[in-house]
Amino acid sequence: MIDRRTLLTTSIAAAAIGTPALAQRKPWVMPEEYKPRIVTLQGDLPAGEVHVDPRAFALYWTLPEGKAIRYTCGIGRAGLYESGTFTVGAKKEWPAWTPTQEMIERDPASYKKWEDGQPGGPDNPLGSRALYLFVPRKGDTFLRIHGTSAPWTIASAISNGCVRLTNAHIAHLYQQVPKGAKVVLH
């Protein structure tokens, strides 16, 4: 529900800069509990690994002395989340994106137009950074840990199988995770 103060502020801003301001979306404000934090791990995990707990929408970057940075993440929808052990086979800034054939078949209205790829940029679904998940003998799994142009979708099971963070959080994680790092999707 809109309150009087918001109505007046919006009306004054719209009058000052024109009617397009009315169509602009209010910026998303991240809830405090979604912000990264240092946590103590339950168990003995080596430093330098990524672990994703899909039930908690949590991605952990393990640190020395039983600590980790916990990021809130989004995961794949039911039937699309794929658990397993992977390695970071590639890292890309502002990556291009091409939907898989399965994605196009599931939702042609959303994905067919991008069958030849979408260049990297702020509207790209992979966001500002991506870690590409590989397995031995197969190589690229087409699973990613990536940013998102829709940050309000973190803490939900909405993606086509990838793990997503806000663009600011994937940029932070990207700086720390080396190519070849172990990734476990629990």
N, C-alpha and C. Protein backbone atom coordinates (compact mmCIF):
# COMPACT_ATOMS: atom_id res chain seq x y z
N MET A 1 0.84 -1.17 0.00
CA MET A 1 0.00 0.00 0.00
C MET A 1 0.89 1.24 0.00
N ILE A 2 0.52 2.20 -0.80
CA ILE A 2 1.30 3.43 -0.90
C ILE A 2 0.86 4.41 0.17
N ASP A 3 1.81 5.04 0.85
CA ASP A 3 1.44 6.01 1.87
C ASP A 3 1.50 7.42 1.28
N ARG A 4 1.01 8.38 2.05
CA ARG A 4 0.92 9.77 1.58
C ARG A 4 2.30 10.33 1.22
N ARG A 5 3.30 10.04 2.05
CA ARG A 5 4.65 10.57 1.82
C ARG A 5 5.23 10.04 0.50
N THR A 6 5.07 8.73 0.25
CA THR A 6 5.57 8.15 -1.00
C THR A 6 4.85 8.75 -2.19
N LEU A 7 3.52 8.94 -2.08
CA LEU A 7 2.75 9.52 -3.17
C LEU A 7 3.23 10.92 -3.48
N LEU A 8 3.40 11.75 -2.43
CA LEU A 8 3.86 13.12 -2.65
C LEU A 8 5.26 13.16 -3.24
N THR A 9 6.17 12.36 -2.70
CA THR A 9 7.55 12.33 -3.19
C THR A 9 7.60 11.89 -4.65
N THR A 10 6.86 10.84 -4.99
CA THR A 10 6.82 10.34 -6.36
C THR A 10 6.22 11.37 -7.30
N SER A 11 5.15 12.02 -6.87
CA SER A 11 4.49 13.02 -7.71
C SER A 11 5.40 14.21 -7.98
N ILE A 12 6.10 14.68 -6.93
CA ILE A 12 7.02 15.81 -7.10
C ILE A 12 8.16 15.43 -8.04
N ALA A 13 8.73 14.23 -7.86
CA ALA A 13 9.82 13.78 -8.73
C ALA A 13 9.34 13.64 -10.16
N ALA A 14 8.15 13.09 -10.36
CA ALA A 14 7.62 12.92 -11.71
C ALA A 14 7.39 14.27 -12.37
N ALA A 15 6.90 15.22 -11.61
CA ALA A 15 6.66 16.55 -12.18
C ALA A 15 7.98 17.22 -12.56
N ALA A 16 9.01 16.99 -11.75
CA ALA A 16 10.30 17.62 -12.01
C ALA A 16 11.02 17.03 -13.22
N ILE A 17 10.92 15.70 -13.42
CA ILE A 17 11.69 15.09 -14.50
C ILE A 17 10.83 14.44 -15.57
N GLY A 18 9.52 14.51 -15.45
CA GLY A 18 8.66 13.95 -16.49
C GLY A 18 8.02 12.65 -16.06
N THR A 19 7.04 12.19 -16.80
CA THR A 19 6.26 11.01 -16.44
C THR A 19 7.01 9.70 -16.47
N PRO A 20 8.12 9.51 -17.18
CA PRO A 20 8.79 8.21 -17.11
C PRO A 20 9.17 7.78 -15.70
N ALA A 21 9.33 8.71 -14.77
CA ALA A 21 9.69 8.34 -13.40
C ALA A 21 8.62 7.47 -12.76
N LEU A 22 7.37 7.65 -13.15
CA LEU A 22 6.30 6.84 -12.60
C LEU A 22 6.44 5.38 -13.00
N ALA A 23 7.02 5.11 -14.16
CA ALA A 23 7.15 3.74 -14.64
C ALA A 23 8.39 3.04 -14.09
N GLN A 24 9.32 3.78 -13.50
CA GLN A 24 10.54 3.17 -13.00
C GLN A 24 10.26 2.33 -11.76
N ARG A 25 10.94 1.20 -11.69
CA ARG A 25 10.81 0.29 -10.55
C ARG A 25 11.58 0.84 -9.35
N LYS A 26 10.99 0.71 -8.17
CA LYS A 26 11.68 1.09 -6.95
C LYS A 26 12.88 0.17 -6.76
N PRO A 27 14.05 0.69 -6.40
CA PRO A 27 15.22 -0.17 -6.21
C PRO A 27 14.96 -1.22 -5.14
N TRP A 28 15.50 -2.41 -5.37
CA TRP A 28 15.36 -3.51 -4.42
C TRP A 28 16.32 -3.27 -3.26
N VAL A 29 15.85 -3.44 -2.06
CA VAL A 29 16.68 -3.29 -0.87
C VAL A 29 16.89 -4.68 -0.28
N MET A 30 18.15 -5.07 -0.17
CA MET A 30 18.48 -6.40 0.33
C MET A 30 18.18 -6.49 1.83
N PRO A 31 17.42 -7.53 2.22
CA PRO A 31 17.20 -7.74 3.65
C PRO A 31 18.53 -7.98 4.37
N GLU A 32 18.63 -7.52 5.58
CA GLU A 32 19.87 -7.65 6.36
C GLU A 32 20.34 -9.10 6.44
N GLU A 33 19.40 -10.04 6.60
CA GLU A 33 19.77 -11.45 6.75
C GLU A 33 20.34 -12.06 5.47
N TYR A 34 20.22 -11.39 4.32
CA TYR A 34 20.77 -11.89 3.06
C TYR A 34 22.22 -11.47 2.86
N LYS A 35 22.71 -10.56 3.66
CA LYS A 35 24.07 -10.04 3.47
C LYS A 35 25.10 -11.09 3.88
N PRO A 36 26.25 -11.12 3.19
CA PRO A 36 27.31 -12.09 3.53
C PRO A 36 27.80 -11.87 4.96
N ARG A 37 28.20 -12.98 5.56
CA ARG A 37 28.75 -12.91 6.92
C ARG A 37 29.70 -14.07 7.15
N ILE A 38 30.60 -13.87 8.08
CA ILE A 38 31.53 -14.93 8.47
C ILE A 38 30.80 -15.83 9.47
N VAL A 39 30.86 -17.14 9.23
CA VAL A 39 30.22 -18.11 10.12
C VAL A 39 31.24 -19.17 10.52
N THR A 40 30.95 -19.87 11.61
CA THR A 40 31.73 -21.02 12.03
C THR A 40 31.06 -22.26 11.46
N LEU A 41 31.83 -23.11 10.80
CA LEU A 41 31.29 -24.30 10.16
C LEU A 41 31.07 -25.43 11.15
N GLN A 42 30.07 -26.24 10.88
CA GLN A 42 29.84 -27.48 11.63
C GLN A 42 30.52 -28.57 10.82
N GLY A 43 31.62 -29.07 11.25
CA GLY A 43 32.35 -30.09 10.51
C GLY A 43 33.70 -29.58 10.07
N ASP A 44 34.43 -30.46 9.43
CA ASP A 44 35.81 -30.18 9.08
C ASP A 44 35.95 -30.10 7.56
N LEU A 45 35.75 -28.91 6.99
CA LEU A 45 35.91 -28.71 5.56
C LEU A 45 37.20 -27.94 5.30
N PRO A 46 37.96 -28.36 4.29
CA PRO A 46 39.19 -27.63 3.99
C PRO A 46 38.89 -26.21 3.48
N ALA A 47 39.81 -25.31 3.73
CA ALA A 47 39.68 -23.95 3.21
C ALA A 47 39.79 -23.98 1.68
N GLY A 48 39.13 -23.03 1.03
CA GLY A 48 39.25 -22.89 -0.42
C GLY A 48 38.26 -23.71 -1.22
N GLU A 49 37.11 -24.03 -0.63
CA GLU A 49 36.07 -24.78 -1.34
C GLU A 49 34.75 -24.00 -1.29
N VAL A 50 33.90 -24.28 -2.26
CA VAL A 50 32.55 -23.72 -2.30
C VAL A 50 31.58 -24.86 -1.99
N HIS A 51 30.67 -24.61 -1.05
CA HIS A 51 29.63 -25.58 -0.71
C HIS A 51 28.28 -24.87 -0.75
N VAL A 52 27.29 -25.51 -1.38
CA VAL A 52 25.95 -24.94 -1.47
C VAL A 52 24.97 -25.83 -0.74
N ASP A 53 24.25 -25.25 0.22
CA ASP A 53 23.18 -25.93 0.94
C ASP A 53 21.86 -25.43 0.37
N PRO A 54 21.22 -26.22 -0.50
CA PRO A 54 20.01 -25.74 -1.17
C PRO A 54 18.83 -25.51 -0.23
N ARG A 55 18.76 -26.26 0.85
CA ARG A 55 17.64 -26.08 1.79
C ARG A 55 17.71 -24.74 2.51
N ALA A 56 18.90 -24.25 2.72
CA ALA A 56 19.10 -22.98 3.42
C ALA A 56 19.35 -21.81 2.47
N PHE A 57 19.37 -22.07 1.15
CA PHE A 57 19.72 -21.05 0.15
C PHE A 57 21.02 -20.38 0.55
N ALA A 58 22.02 -21.21 0.87
CA ALA A 58 23.29 -20.70 1.37
C ALA A 58 24.45 -21.25 0.55
N LEU A 59 25.36 -20.37 0.19
CA LEU A 59 26.62 -20.74 -0.46
C LEU A 59 27.72 -20.37 0.53
N TYR A 60 28.63 -21.31 0.78
CA TYR A 60 29.73 -21.10 1.71
C TYR A 60 31.05 -21.15 0.97
N TRP A 61 31.88 -20.14 1.17
CA TRP A 61 33.27 -20.14 0.71
C TRP A 61 34.09 -20.41 1.95
N THR A 62 34.72 -21.60 2.00
CA THR A 62 35.40 -22.03 3.22
C THR A 62 36.72 -21.30 3.41
N LEU A 63 36.96 -20.96 4.66
CA LEU A 63 38.16 -20.23 5.08
C LEU A 63 38.95 -21.10 6.06
N PRO A 64 40.17 -20.71 6.40
CA PRO A 64 40.93 -21.45 7.41
C PRO A 64 40.23 -21.41 8.77
N GLU A 65 40.64 -22.32 9.65
CA GLU A 65 40.21 -22.38 11.04
C GLU A 65 38.70 -22.61 11.20
N GLY A 66 38.10 -23.40 10.28
CA GLY A 66 36.70 -23.77 10.43
C GLY A 66 35.70 -22.66 10.19
N LYS A 67 36.09 -21.65 9.48
CA LYS A 67 35.21 -20.50 9.18
C LYS A 67 34.80 -20.54 7.70
N ALA A 68 33.81 -19.74 7.36
CA ALA A 68 33.38 -19.60 5.97
C ALA A 68 32.66 -18.26 5.81
N ILE A 69 32.63 -17.78 4.59
CA ILE A 69 31.76 -16.66 4.26
C ILE A 69 30.47 -17.27 3.75
N ARG A 70 29.36 -16.89 4.35
CA ARG A 70 28.05 -17.39 3.94
C ARG A 70 27.36 -16.32 3.10
N TYR A 71 27.00 -16.70 1.87
CA TYR A 71 26.24 -15.84 0.98
C TYR A 71 24.84 -16.43 0.82
N THR A 72 23.83 -15.60 0.73
CA THR A 72 22.49 -16.08 0.39
C THR A 72 22.43 -16.24 -1.12
N CYS A 73 21.91 -17.39 -1.57
CA CYS A 73 21.88 -17.67 -3.00
C CYS A 73 20.50 -18.14 -3.44
N GLY A 74 20.27 -18.10 -4.72
CA GLY A 74 19.12 -18.73 -5.34
C GLY A 74 19.59 -20.03 -5.97
N ILE A 75 18.68 -20.96 -6.13
CA ILE A 75 19.05 -22.27 -6.69
C ILE A 75 18.06 -22.65 -7.79
N GLY A 76 18.29 -23.83 -8.40
CA GLY A 76 17.42 -24.33 -9.44
C GLY A 76 16.04 -24.72 -8.93
N ARG A 77 15.05 -24.54 -9.79
CA ARG A 77 13.69 -24.96 -9.47
C ARG A 77 13.65 -26.47 -9.23
N ALA A 78 12.56 -26.93 -8.64
CA ALA A 78 12.38 -28.36 -8.39
C ALA A 78 12.61 -29.15 -9.68
N GLY A 79 13.43 -30.18 -9.58
CA GLY A 79 13.75 -31.01 -10.73
C GLY A 79 14.90 -30.48 -11.58
N LEU A 80 15.37 -29.26 -11.30
CA LEU A 80 16.46 -28.69 -12.10
C LEU A 80 17.75 -28.49 -11.31
N TYR A 81 17.67 -28.56 -9.97
CA TYR A 81 18.88 -28.45 -9.15
C TYR A 81 19.63 -29.77 -9.25
N GLU A 82 20.91 -29.69 -9.54
CA GLU A 82 21.73 -30.90 -9.72
C GLU A 82 22.84 -30.93 -8.69
N SER A 83 22.74 -31.85 -7.74
CA SER A 83 23.79 -31.98 -6.74
C SER A 83 24.99 -32.69 -7.35
N GLY A 84 26.15 -32.52 -6.72
CA GLY A 84 27.35 -33.19 -7.18
C GLY A 84 28.60 -32.42 -6.80
N THR A 85 29.73 -32.98 -7.21
CA THR A 85 31.03 -32.36 -6.95
C THR A 85 31.61 -31.91 -8.28
N PHE A 86 32.05 -30.68 -8.33
CA PHE A 86 32.52 -30.03 -9.56
C PHE A 86 33.82 -29.30 -9.28
N THR A 87 34.43 -28.78 -10.33
CA THR A 87 35.54 -27.85 -10.19
C THR A 87 35.21 -26.61 -11.02
N VAL A 88 35.79 -25.49 -10.61
CA VAL A 88 35.63 -24.27 -11.38
C VAL A 88 36.54 -24.41 -12.60
N GLY A 89 35.93 -24.61 -13.77
CA GLY A 89 36.69 -24.82 -15.00
C GLY A 89 36.97 -23.55 -15.77
N ALA A 90 36.19 -22.50 -15.50
CA ALA A 90 36.38 -21.21 -16.16
C ALA A 90 35.74 -20.13 -15.31
N LYS A 91 36.23 -18.92 -15.47
CA LYS A 91 35.69 -17.74 -14.79
C LYS A 91 35.54 -16.65 -15.83
N LYS A 92 34.38 -15.98 -15.84
CA LYS A 92 34.18 -14.92 -16.83
C LYS A 92 33.50 -13.71 -16.20
N GLU A 93 33.97 -12.52 -16.62
CA GLU A 93 33.35 -11.26 -16.23
C GLU A 93 32.38 -10.85 -17.32
N TRP A 94 31.21 -10.39 -16.93
CA TRP A 94 30.13 -10.02 -17.85
C TRP A 94 29.99 -11.06 -18.96
N PRO A 95 29.72 -12.31 -18.57
CA PRO A 95 29.69 -13.41 -19.54
C PRO A 95 28.50 -13.32 -20.49
N ALA A 96 28.72 -13.80 -21.70
CA ALA A 96 27.62 -14.00 -22.64
C ALA A 96 26.82 -15.21 -22.15
N TRP A 97 25.60 -15.35 -22.63
CA TRP A 97 24.74 -16.45 -22.19
C TRP A 97 23.96 -16.99 -23.36
N THR A 98 23.87 -18.30 -23.43
CA THR A 98 23.04 -18.98 -24.42
C THR A 98 22.20 -20.01 -23.68
N PRO A 99 20.87 -19.96 -23.81
CA PRO A 99 20.05 -20.96 -23.12
C PRO A 99 20.31 -22.35 -23.71
N THR A 100 20.18 -23.37 -22.87
CA THR A 100 20.33 -24.74 -23.36
C THR A 100 19.11 -25.11 -24.19
N GLN A 101 19.23 -26.15 -24.99
CA GLN A 101 18.10 -26.62 -25.79
C GLN A 101 16.93 -27.01 -24.88
N GLU A 102 17.23 -27.62 -23.73
CA GLU A 102 16.17 -28.00 -22.78
C GLU A 102 15.42 -26.77 -22.28
N MET A 103 16.13 -25.67 -22.03
CA MET A 103 15.48 -24.44 -21.58
C MET A 103 14.55 -23.91 -22.67
N ILE A 104 15.02 -23.93 -23.90
CA ILE A 104 14.21 -23.45 -25.02
C ILE A 104 12.96 -24.31 -25.17
N GLU A 105 13.11 -25.62 -25.04
CA GLU A 105 11.96 -26.52 -25.15
C GLU A 105 10.97 -26.31 -24.01
N ARG A 106 11.46 -26.06 -22.79
CA ARG A 106 10.59 -25.84 -21.63
C ARG A 106 9.81 -24.55 -21.73
N ASP A 107 10.46 -23.49 -22.24
CA ASP A 107 9.84 -22.16 -22.24
C ASP A 107 10.29 -21.37 -23.47
N PRO A 108 9.78 -21.75 -24.65
CA PRO A 108 10.22 -21.07 -25.87
C PRO A 108 9.92 -19.57 -25.88
N ALA A 109 8.84 -19.15 -25.24
CA ALA A 109 8.51 -17.72 -25.24
C ALA A 109 9.60 -16.89 -24.55
N SER A 110 10.23 -17.45 -23.55
CA SER A 110 11.28 -16.72 -22.83
C SER A 110 12.66 -16.88 -23.44
N TYR A 111 12.95 -18.05 -24.04
CA TYR A 111 14.33 -18.36 -24.40
C TYR A 111 14.64 -18.48 -25.89
N LYS A 112 13.66 -18.71 -26.73
CA LYS A 112 13.92 -18.92 -28.17
C LYS A 112 14.67 -17.73 -28.79
N LYS A 113 14.30 -16.52 -28.38
CA LYS A 113 14.94 -15.33 -28.98
C LYS A 113 16.43 -15.26 -28.69
N TRP A 114 16.89 -16.01 -27.67
CA TRP A 114 18.31 -15.98 -27.30
C TRP A 114 19.04 -17.26 -27.71
N GLU A 115 18.46 -18.06 -28.60
CA GLU A 115 19.09 -19.32 -28.96
C GLU A 115 20.48 -19.16 -29.58
N ASP A 116 20.78 -17.99 -30.14
CA ASP A 116 22.11 -17.73 -30.67
C ASP A 116 22.98 -16.97 -29.67
N GLY A 117 22.46 -16.74 -28.48
CA GLY A 117 23.23 -16.12 -27.42
C GLY A 117 22.81 -14.69 -27.12
N GLN A 118 23.12 -14.27 -25.91
CA GLN A 118 22.89 -12.90 -25.46
C GLN A 118 24.23 -12.37 -24.96
N PRO A 119 24.65 -11.22 -25.45
CA PRO A 119 25.93 -10.67 -24.99
C PRO A 119 25.88 -10.33 -23.51
N GLY A 120 27.05 -10.29 -22.89
CA GLY A 120 27.14 -9.90 -21.50
C GLY A 120 26.69 -8.48 -21.30
N GLY A 121 26.25 -8.17 -20.11
CA GLY A 121 25.80 -6.82 -19.79
C GLY A 121 24.80 -6.85 -18.65
N PRO A 122 24.33 -5.69 -18.24
CA PRO A 122 23.47 -5.61 -17.06
C PRO A 122 22.13 -6.33 -17.19
N ASP A 123 21.64 -6.59 -18.40
CA ASP A 123 20.37 -7.29 -18.57
C ASP A 123 20.56 -8.80 -18.77
N ASN A 124 21.80 -9.24 -18.86
CA ASN A 124 22.07 -10.66 -19.08
C ASN A 124 21.76 -11.46 -17.81
N PRO A 125 21.08 -12.62 -17.94
CA PRO A 125 20.72 -13.39 -16.74
C PRO A 125 21.90 -13.91 -15.93
N LEU A 126 23.11 -13.97 -16.50
CA LEU A 126 24.27 -14.42 -15.73
C LEU A 126 24.88 -13.31 -14.88
N GLY A 127 24.41 -12.10 -15.06
CA GLY A 127 24.91 -11.00 -14.25
C GLY A 127 26.35 -10.63 -14.56
N SER A 128 27.03 -10.11 -13.55
CA SER A 128 28.35 -9.51 -13.75
C SER A 128 29.52 -10.49 -13.77
N ARG A 129 29.34 -11.68 -13.19
CA ARG A 129 30.43 -12.66 -13.12
C ARG A 129 29.83 -14.06 -13.14
N ALA A 130 30.63 -15.02 -13.59
CA ALA A 130 30.18 -16.42 -13.57
C ALA A 130 31.35 -17.35 -13.34
N LEU A 131 31.12 -18.35 -12.51
CA LEU A 131 32.04 -19.46 -12.30
C LEU A 131 31.42 -20.66 -13.01
N TYR A 132 32.15 -21.26 -13.95
CA TYR A 132 31.64 -22.35 -14.78
C TYR A 132 32.02 -23.67 -14.13
N LEU A 133 31.03 -24.52 -13.90
CA LEU A 133 31.25 -25.78 -13.19
C LEU A 133 31.52 -26.92 -14.17
N PHE A 134 32.65 -27.60 -13.95
CA PHE A 134 33.11 -28.69 -14.82
C PHE A 134 33.20 -29.98 -14.02
N VAL A 135 33.15 -31.09 -14.74
CA VAL A 135 33.41 -32.42 -14.17
C VAL A 135 34.42 -33.13 -15.06
N PRO A 136 35.18 -34.09 -14.50
CA PRO A 136 36.15 -34.83 -15.31
C PRO A 136 35.48 -35.57 -16.47
N ARG A 137 36.17 -35.71 -17.55
CA ARG A 137 35.77 -36.44 -18.76
C ARG A 137 34.62 -35.81 -19.53
N LYS A 138 33.83 -34.95 -18.91
CA LYS A 138 32.73 -34.28 -19.60
C LYS A 138 33.08 -32.82 -19.87
N GLY A 139 33.78 -32.21 -18.93
CA GLY A 139 34.08 -30.78 -19.06
C GLY A 139 32.92 -29.94 -18.53
N ASP A 140 32.53 -28.96 -19.31
CA ASP A 140 31.50 -28.01 -18.91
C ASP A 140 30.16 -28.70 -18.72
N THR A 141 29.55 -28.47 -17.56
CA THR A 141 28.24 -29.06 -17.24
C THR A 141 27.09 -28.12 -17.61
N PHE A 142 27.38 -26.89 -17.99
CA PHE A 142 26.41 -25.82 -18.24
C PHE A 142 25.76 -25.33 -16.95
N LEU A 143 26.28 -25.80 -15.81
CA LEU A 143 25.88 -25.24 -14.51
C LEU A 143 26.83 -24.11 -14.18
N ARG A 144 26.31 -23.09 -13.53
CA ARG A 144 27.10 -21.91 -13.20
C ARG A 144 26.78 -21.46 -11.78
N ILE A 145 27.73 -20.78 -11.19
CA ILE A 145 27.47 -19.92 -10.05
C ILE A 145 27.65 -18.53 -10.62
N HIS A 146 26.58 -17.75 -10.62
CA HIS A 146 26.64 -16.48 -11.35
C HIS A 146 25.86 -15.39 -10.64
N GLY A 147 26.01 -14.19 -11.14
CA GLY A 147 25.23 -13.06 -10.65
C GLY A 147 23.83 -13.11 -11.23
N THR A 148 23.10 -12.06 -11.05
CA THR A 148 21.75 -12.00 -11.61
C THR A 148 21.33 -10.56 -11.84
N SER A 149 20.57 -10.37 -12.90
CA SER A 149 19.97 -9.07 -13.17
C SER A 149 18.66 -8.91 -12.39
N ALA A 150 18.29 -9.93 -11.60
CA ALA A 150 17.07 -9.92 -10.79
C ALA A 150 17.43 -10.30 -9.34
N PRO A 151 18.07 -9.39 -8.60
CA PRO A 151 18.57 -9.75 -7.27
C PRO A 151 17.48 -10.18 -6.29
N TRP A 152 16.26 -9.76 -6.49
CA TRP A 152 15.15 -10.14 -5.60
C TRP A 152 14.83 -11.62 -5.70
N THR A 153 15.46 -12.36 -6.63
CA THR A 153 15.19 -13.80 -6.77
C THR A 153 16.12 -14.67 -5.93
N ILE A 154 17.10 -14.06 -5.23
CA ILE A 154 17.93 -14.89 -4.36
C ILE A 154 17.05 -15.37 -3.21
N ALA A 155 17.49 -16.41 -2.54
CA ALA A 155 16.73 -17.05 -1.45
C ALA A 155 15.46 -17.71 -1.98
N SER A 156 15.52 -18.16 -3.25
CA SER A 156 14.38 -18.88 -3.82
C SER A 156 14.89 -19.92 -4.82
N ALA A 157 14.03 -20.88 -5.10
CA ALA A 157 14.33 -21.92 -6.10
C ALA A 157 13.62 -21.52 -7.38
N ILE A 158 14.34 -20.77 -8.23
CA ILE A 158 13.70 -20.19 -9.40
C ILE A 158 14.51 -20.37 -10.69
N SER A 159 15.78 -20.70 -10.58
CA SER A 159 16.63 -20.74 -11.77
C SER A 159 16.46 -22.06 -12.54
N ASN A 160 17.14 -22.13 -13.66
CA ASN A 160 17.13 -23.33 -14.50
C ASN A 160 18.21 -24.32 -14.08
N GLY A 161 18.68 -24.23 -12.87
CA GLY A 161 19.66 -25.18 -12.35
C GLY A 161 20.89 -24.53 -11.76
N CYS A 162 21.17 -23.30 -12.14
CA CYS A 162 22.35 -22.61 -11.65
C CYS A 162 22.14 -22.06 -10.24
N VAL A 163 23.25 -21.73 -9.61
CA VAL A 163 23.25 -21.05 -8.32
C VAL A 163 23.49 -19.59 -8.61
N ARG A 164 22.67 -18.73 -8.05
CA ARG A 164 22.81 -17.30 -8.33
C ARG A 164 22.99 -16.49 -7.06
N LEU A 165 23.82 -15.47 -7.19
CA LEU A 165 24.07 -14.50 -6.12
C LEU A 165 23.76 -13.12 -6.68
N THR A 166 23.67 -12.13 -5.81
CA THR A 166 23.56 -10.77 -6.33
C THR A 166 24.86 -10.44 -7.07
N ASN A 167 24.83 -9.45 -7.94
CA ASN A 167 26.03 -9.08 -8.69
C ASN A 167 27.16 -8.65 -7.76
N ALA A 168 26.85 -7.92 -6.70
CA ALA A 168 27.90 -7.50 -5.77
C ALA A 168 28.52 -8.71 -5.08
N HIS A 169 27.70 -9.69 -4.72
CA HIS A 169 28.22 -10.86 -4.00
C HIS A 169 29.02 -11.78 -4.92
N ILE A 170 28.58 -11.97 -6.16
CA ILE A 170 29.37 -12.81 -7.06
C ILE A 170 30.69 -12.12 -7.39
N ALA A 171 30.70 -10.79 -7.47
CA ALA A 171 31.97 -10.09 -7.73
C ALA A 171 32.94 -10.32 -6.57
N HIS A 172 32.44 -10.32 -5.35
CA HIS A 172 33.27 -10.57 -4.17
C HIS A 172 33.78 -12.01 -4.17
N LEU A 173 32.89 -12.97 -4.40
CA LEU A 173 33.28 -14.38 -4.43
C LEU A 173 34.26 -14.65 -5.57
N TYR A 174 33.99 -14.07 -6.73
CA TYR A 174 34.80 -14.27 -7.94
C TYR A 174 36.27 -13.91 -7.68
N GLN A 175 36.50 -12.87 -6.92
CA GLN A 175 37.88 -12.44 -6.61
C GLN A 175 38.62 -13.47 -5.77
N GLN A 176 37.89 -14.25 -4.99
CA GLN A 176 38.51 -15.18 -4.06
C GLN A 176 38.68 -16.59 -4.62
N VAL A 177 37.77 -17.03 -5.44
CA VAL A 177 37.74 -18.43 -5.90
C VAL A 177 38.65 -18.60 -7.11
N PRO A 178 39.67 -19.43 -7.01
CA PRO A 178 40.55 -19.66 -8.17
C PRO A 178 39.97 -20.70 -9.11
N LYS A 179 40.41 -20.64 -10.33
CA LYS A 179 40.09 -21.70 -11.29
C LYS A 179 40.63 -23.00 -10.70
N GLY A 180 39.85 -24.08 -10.81
CA GLY A 180 40.25 -25.36 -10.26
C GLY A 180 39.71 -25.64 -8.87
N ALA A 181 39.08 -24.63 -8.23
CA ALA A 181 38.54 -24.83 -6.88
C ALA A 181 37.43 -25.87 -6.89
N LYS A 182 37.33 -26.60 -5.80
CA LYS A 182 36.29 -27.62 -5.63
C LYS A 182 34.96 -26.94 -5.27
N VAL A 183 33.87 -27.42 -5.90
CA VAL A 183 32.52 -26.92 -5.64
C VAL A 183 31.65 -28.13 -5.35
N VAL A 184 30.92 -28.09 -4.24
CA VAL A 184 30.01 -29.18 -3.89
C VAL A 184 28.60 -28.59 -3.79
N LEU A 185 27.72 -29.07 -4.65
CA LEU A 185 26.31 -28.72 -4.56
C LEU A 185 25.64 -29.86 -3.80
N HIS A 186 25.31 -29.64 -2.54
CA HIS A 186 24.75 -30.68 -1.67
C HIS A 186 23.30 -30.97 -2.03
